[in-house]
Amino acid sequence: MFRPVNDRLLSGLLAMALTAVSAHSLAEQGDRDKPIQIEADRASLDQLKGITVYEGNVVVTQGTILLRAAQVTVTQDKNGGDLAVAHGNPATFRQKIDGKNEWMDAQGQRIEYDSGKNLVKLFDNARVKRGQDIVMGQTLVYNTKDETFIANGPTGGASPAKGSGGRVTVILQPKKKDGQ
């Protein structure tokens, strides 16, 4: 039987994407208790190496969570930590915000989650959007343990994030006052 992508992958991706835009936003609470469904054209498992690979139109769902990628590779280390890497053109992630009719969307050519290091990374034209708030950069990195966030523009010969001119772009809407 194939080892499914676990809650830590989805929670980590969600935590990064949500915190990138707003530190106080919450994911749909019921998602954690929902079953995880993975669909792909192919799946392979190497138990000795602890590697599971899903390829071809990969769709991972859990409640309101939706991850789409061309390939998702999950590697488990000897300590039980997982490294999940999603590749796409782009790889995308979506989840409903708890208690609101609002969605969080994230994308990058590559999305990584390292449960052992508590890091979620979006690479290559990374973008996170919550409502009308947007963060864009070449890389976006979120530490799920200490809740720190870093956005970087390209370095060296890397191509700039689309629309960013090679810099990090953060667009935050004004907070609405009570009664508005």
Protein backbone atom coordinates (compact mmCIF):
# COMPACT_ATOMS: atom_id res chain seq x y z
CA MET A 1 0.00 0.00 0.00
CA PHE A 2 1.26 3.48 -0.81
CA ARG A 3 2.14 5.80 2.05
CA PRO A 4 -0.10 8.89 1.64
CA VAL A 5 0.99 12.47 2.01
CA ASN A 6 0.31 13.18 5.67
CA ASP A 7 -1.33 16.02 7.59
CA ARG A 8 2.08 17.59 8.30
CA LEU A 9 2.67 18.26 4.60
CA LEU A 10 -0.71 19.88 4.08
CA SER A 11 -0.60 21.75 7.39
CA GLY A 12 2.89 22.99 6.65
CA LEU A 13 2.01 24.21 3.17
CA LEU A 14 -1.06 25.88 4.56
CA ALA A 15 0.79 27.49 7.44
CA MET A 16 3.38 28.98 5.12
CA ALA A 17 0.90 30.30 2.65
CA LEU A 18 -1.43 31.79 5.24
CA THR A 19 1.28 33.37 7.31
CA ALA A 20 2.93 34.81 4.24
CA VAL A 21 -0.10 37.02 3.81
CA SER A 22 -1.53 37.40 7.32
CA ALA A 23 -0.19 36.13 10.60
CA HIS A 24 -3.65 36.07 12.16
CA SER A 25 -5.59 34.15 9.54
CA LEU A 26 -6.78 30.61 10.23
CA ALA A 27 -7.29 27.64 7.95
CA GLU A 28 -10.57 25.80 7.73
CA GLN A 29 -10.49 23.92 11.06
CA GLY A 30 -12.43 20.89 9.85
CA ASP A 31 -9.86 20.04 7.17
CA ARG A 32 -7.52 18.18 9.56
CA ASP A 33 -10.19 15.62 10.35
CA LYS A 34 -11.01 14.90 6.72
CA PRO A 35 -9.51 12.00 4.75
CA ILE A 36 -6.63 12.71 2.37
CA GLN A 37 -7.24 11.68 -1.23
CA ILE A 38 -4.41 11.52 -3.77
CA GLU A 39 -5.03 11.08 -7.48
CA ALA A 40 -2.25 10.71 -10.04
CA ASP A 41 -1.50 9.00 -13.33
CA ARG A 42 1.18 6.90 -11.62
CA ALA A 43 2.39 6.14 -8.11
CA SER A 44 5.48 4.30 -6.94
CA LEU A 45 6.81 3.33 -3.54
CA ASP A 46 10.30 2.33 -2.45
CA GLN A 47 9.90 1.18 1.17
CA LEU A 48 13.62 0.58 1.69
CA LYS A 49 14.47 4.15 0.71
CA GLY A 50 11.29 5.60 2.21
CA ILE A 51 10.27 7.37 -1.02
CA THR A 52 6.80 7.67 -2.52
CA VAL A 53 6.38 9.38 -5.90
CA TYR A 54 3.08 10.50 -7.43
CA GLU A 55 3.34 11.58 -11.09
CA GLY A 56 1.08 13.03 -13.75
CA ASN A 57 -1.72 15.45 -12.94
CA VAL A 58 -1.35 14.94 -9.19
CA VAL A 59 -4.31 16.17 -7.17
CA VAL A 60 -4.23 16.02 -3.36
CA THR A 61 -7.40 16.96 -1.48
CA GLN A 62 -8.30 17.09 2.18
CA GLY A 63 -11.47 19.00 3.04
CA THR A 64 -11.10 22.42 1.42
CA ILE A 65 -7.37 21.87 0.76
CA LEU A 66 -6.44 21.35 -2.88
CA LEU A 67 -2.84 20.77 -4.06
CA ARG A 68 -2.16 20.34 -7.80
CA ALA A 69 1.22 19.41 -9.26
CA ALA A 70 2.84 17.48 -12.06
CA GLN A 71 4.77 15.43 -9.48
CA VAL A 72 4.82 15.05 -5.69
CA THR A 73 7.67 13.17 -4.02
CA VAL A 74 7.52 12.33 -0.30
CA THR A 75 10.70 11.11 1.40
CA GLN A 76 10.76 9.95 5.01
CA ASP A 77 14.01 10.20 6.96
CA LYS A 78 15.16 7.78 9.67
CA ASN A 79 13.74 10.07 12.39
CA GLY A 80 10.24 9.95 10.89
CA GLY A 81 10.42 13.43 9.37
CA ASP A 82 9.03 14.00 5.91
CA LEU A 83 10.32 16.01 2.99
CA ALA A 84 7.58 16.57 0.43
CA VAL A 85 8.37 18.26 -2.89
CA ALA A 86 5.69 19.27 -5.38
CA HIS A 87 6.73 20.29 -8.91
CA GLY A 88 4.44 21.91 -11.44
CA ASN A 89 4.08 24.59 -14.02
CA PRO A 90 3.19 25.92 -11.50
CA ALA A 91 2.38 23.72 -8.50
CA THR A 92 -0.66 25.25 -6.79
CA PHE A 93 -2.19 25.12 -3.32
CA ARG A 94 -5.63 26.34 -2.22
CA GLN A 95 -7.59 26.34 1.06
CA LYS A 96 -10.64 28.07 2.48
CA ILE A 97 -10.09 30.48 5.38
CA ASP A 98 -11.96 29.38 8.52
CA GLY A 99 -15.25 31.17 9.14
CA LYS A 100 -14.99 33.36 6.04
CA ASN A 101 -16.04 33.15 2.44
CA GLU A 102 -12.40 33.67 1.51
CA TRP A 103 -9.67 31.52 0.00
CA MET A 104 -5.89 31.41 0.23
CA ASP A 105 -4.03 30.51 -2.97
CA ALA A 106 -0.30 29.80 -3.34
CA GLN A 107 1.85 28.79 -6.26
CA GLY A 108 5.43 28.17 -7.32
CA GLN A 109 7.27 25.99 -9.78
CA ARG A 110 8.33 23.99 -6.72
CA ILE A 111 6.78 23.75 -3.26
CA GLU A 112 8.75 21.99 -0.48
CA TYR A 113 7.80 21.04 3.05
CA ASP A 114 10.41 19.70 5.47
CA SER A 115 8.66 18.55 8.65
CA GLY A 116 11.96 17.88 10.45
CA LYS A 117 13.15 21.46 9.91
CA ASN A 118 9.66 22.97 10.14
CA LEU A 119 10.20 24.75 6.81
CA VAL A 120 7.84 25.40 3.92
CA LYS A 121 9.39 26.86 0.76
CA LEU A 122 7.88 28.13 -2.49
CA PHE A 123 10.36 28.55 -5.36
CA ASP A 124 10.48 30.20 -8.77
CA ASN A 125 7.85 32.86 -9.28
CA ALA A 126 6.37 32.17 -5.87
CA ARG A 127 3.08 33.85 -5.08
CA VAL A 128 0.66 33.74 -2.15
CA LYS A 129 -2.74 35.45 -2.26
CA ARG A 130 -5.34 35.78 0.48
CA GLY A 131 -8.32 37.87 -0.50
CA GLN A 132 -6.75 40.86 -2.21
CA ASP A 133 -3.46 40.66 -0.24
CA ILE A 134 -0.53 39.28 -2.25
CA VAL A 135 3.13 38.36 -1.62
CA MET A 136 5.36 37.63 -4.63
CA GLY A 137 9.05 36.79 -4.90
CA GLN A 138 11.48 34.32 -6.33
CA THR A 139 11.39 32.34 -3.06
CA LEU A 140 9.09 32.46 -0.05
CA VAL A 141 10.17 30.57 3.09
CA TYR A 142 8.13 30.04 6.26
CA ASN A 143 9.27 28.41 9.50
CA THR A 144 6.20 26.74 11.00
CA LYS A 145 7.80 26.42 14.45
CA ASP A 146 8.91 29.97 15.16
CA GLU A 147 6.44 31.54 12.69
CA THR A 148 9.03 33.53 10.77
CA PHE A 149 8.69 34.42 7.11
CA ILE A 150 11.26 35.42 4.49
CA ALA A 151 10.58 36.59 0.92
CA ASN A 152 13.50 36.89 -1.51
CA GLY A 153 13.91 38.30 -4.99
CA PRO A 154 16.21 36.51 -7.43
CA THR A 155 19.94 36.27 -6.85
CA GLY A 156 22.69 35.73 -9.35
CA GLY A 157 21.39 34.67 -12.75
CA ALA A 158 17.91 33.65 -11.62
CA SER A 159 15.03 35.16 -13.55
CA PRO A 160 12.90 37.66 -11.64
CA ALA A 161 9.45 36.79 -10.38
CA LYS A 162 6.81 37.71 -12.93
CA GLY A 163 5.66 41.25 -12.37
CA SER A 164 8.10 41.90 -9.54
CA GLY A 165 10.99 43.40 -11.51
CA GLY A 166 13.36 41.15 -9.55
CA ARG A 167 12.22 42.41 -6.18
CA VAL A 168 9.84 41.15 -3.53
CA THR A 169 6.32 42.55 -3.88
CA VAL A 170 3.85 42.71 -0.97
CA ILE A 171 0.39 44.20 -1.54
CA LEU A 172 -1.72 44.59 1.61
CA GLN A 173 -5.21 46.07 1.59
CA PRO A 174 -6.16 48.58 4.30
CA LYS A 175 -7.88 47.03 7.30
CA LYS A 176 -11.58 47.80 7.44
CA LYS A 177 -12.76 49.75 10.45
CA ASP A 178 -15.64 48.46 12.59
CA GLY A 179 -18.96 48.97 10.83
CA GLN A 180 -17.51 48.90 7.31
